[in-house]
């Protein structure tokens, strides 16, 4: 059956309802990592790495903790730029 315009969705998950399998997997992984960190083994393993590997691991972990910066664009147009003198003359004319 092809999609027809105006057809409403029936069945399935409602919008915003989390996937049960994904929720279970995330919760399980969080519990495992929590136990690993609390045991002290995580710190020992981290310190046992070579300095290069330690930096690489810290960078990978940081990607999940620290939000990435978004690039910003700055449009600097010189076509409409006025000198201070020109702007003062214009303001003086407006006041007359």
Protein backbone atom coordinates (compact mmCIF):
# COMPACT_ATOMS: atom_id res chain seq x y z
CA UNK A 1 0.00 0.00 0.00
CA UNK A 2 1.45 3.34 -1.05
CA UNK A 3 1.47 6.36 1.21
CA UNK A 4 -1.50 8.58 0.50
CA UNK A 5 -1.60 12.25 1.35
CA UNK A 6 -3.73 12.89 4.41
CA UNK A 7 -3.26 9.35 5.73
CA UNK A 8 -2.76 9.28 9.49
CA UNK A 9 -0.24 7.07 11.27
CA UNK A 10 -1.69 4.10 13.10
CA UNK A 11 0.13 1.80 15.50
CA UNK A 12 3.77 1.91 16.55
CA UNK A 13 5.36 3.97 19.30
CA UNK A 14 4.00 7.38 20.08
CA UNK A 15 6.32 10.32 19.40
CA UNK A 16 8.85 10.81 22.20
CA UNK A 17 8.50 7.30 23.62
CA UNK A 18 12.00 5.87 24.21
CA UNK A 19 13.04 2.59 22.66
CA UNK A 20 13.02 -0.12 25.38
CA UNK A 21 16.05 -1.96 24.00
CA UNK A 22 18.10 1.24 23.80
CA UNK A 23 17.09 2.24 27.33
CA UNK A 24 18.04 -1.20 28.67
CA UNK A 25 21.40 -1.15 26.89
CA UNK A 26 22.26 2.33 28.15
CA UNK A 27 21.27 1.46 31.70
CA UNK A 28 23.30 -1.77 31.61
CA UNK A 29 26.39 -0.01 30.24
CA UNK A 30 26.06 2.77 32.83
CA UNK A 31 25.88 0.20 35.64
CA UNK A 32 28.92 -1.70 34.33
CA UNK A 33 30.99 1.47 33.98
CA UNK A 34 29.89 2.63 37.42
CA UNK A 35 31.01 -0.65 39.00
CA UNK A 36 34.29 -0.53 37.06
CA UNK A 37 34.98 3.04 38.21
CA UNK A 38 34.00 2.36 41.84
CA UNK A 39 36.26 -0.70 42.02
CA UNK A 40 39.34 1.45 41.41
CA UNK A 41 40.37 -0.72 38.47
CA UNK A 42 39.48 2.01 35.97
CA UNK A 43 41.98 4.42 37.53
CA UNK A 44 44.67 1.74 37.69
CA UNK A 45 44.12 0.76 34.06
CA UNK A 46 44.12 4.40 32.95
CA UNK A 47 47.40 5.12 34.75
CA UNK A 48 48.96 1.94 33.34
CA UNK A 49 48.55 3.26 29.78
CA UNK A 50 51.42 4.92 27.93
CA UNK A 51 51.14 8.74 28.02
CA UNK A 52 50.15 8.88 24.33
CA UNK A 53 47.39 6.30 24.84
CA UNK A 54 46.25 8.05 28.03
CA UNK A 55 45.77 11.33 26.12
CA UNK A 56 43.92 9.53 23.33
CA UNK A 57 41.61 7.83 25.82
CA UNK A 58 40.95 11.08 27.68
CA UNK A 59 40.06 12.77 24.38
CA UNK A 60 37.63 9.99 23.44
CA UNK A 61 35.93 10.07 26.83
CA UNK A 62 35.71 13.88 26.74
CA UNK A 63 33.62 13.69 23.55
CA UNK A 64 30.80 12.19 25.60
CA UNK A 65 31.11 14.63 28.48
CA UNK A 66 31.98 18.03 27.02
CA UNK A 67 29.65 19.42 24.33
CA UNK A 68 31.33 20.23 21.03
CA UNK A 69 31.66 23.87 20.08
CA UNK A 70 29.66 25.01 17.08
CA UNK A 71 31.32 26.99 14.33
CA UNK A 72 30.15 30.57 14.07
CA UNK A 73 30.12 32.68 10.95
CA UNK A 74 30.83 36.37 11.09
CA UNK A 75 29.82 38.52 8.13
CA UNK A 76 31.84 41.70 8.03
CA UNK A 77 30.68 43.92 5.24
CA UNK A 78 32.76 46.99 4.37
CA UNK A 79 30.39 48.31 1.70
CA UNK A 80 28.13 50.10 4.18
CA UNK A 81 30.90 51.15 6.57
CA UNK A 82 31.09 54.85 7.36
CA UNK A 83 33.88 56.78 8.89
CA UNK A 84 33.22 58.52 12.18
CA UNK A 85 33.34 61.91 10.45
CA UNK A 86 30.73 60.87 7.87
CA UNK A 87 28.43 59.54 10.58
CA UNK A 88 28.79 62.74 12.65
CA UNK A 89 27.95 64.90 9.60
CA UNK A 90 24.88 62.73 8.93
CA UNK A 91 23.74 63.01 12.56
CA UNK A 92 24.27 66.77 12.49
CA UNK A 93 22.07 67.07 9.35
CA UNK A 94 19.36 64.96 11.01
CA UNK A 95 19.27 67.35 14.00
CA UNK A 96 18.83 70.46 11.81
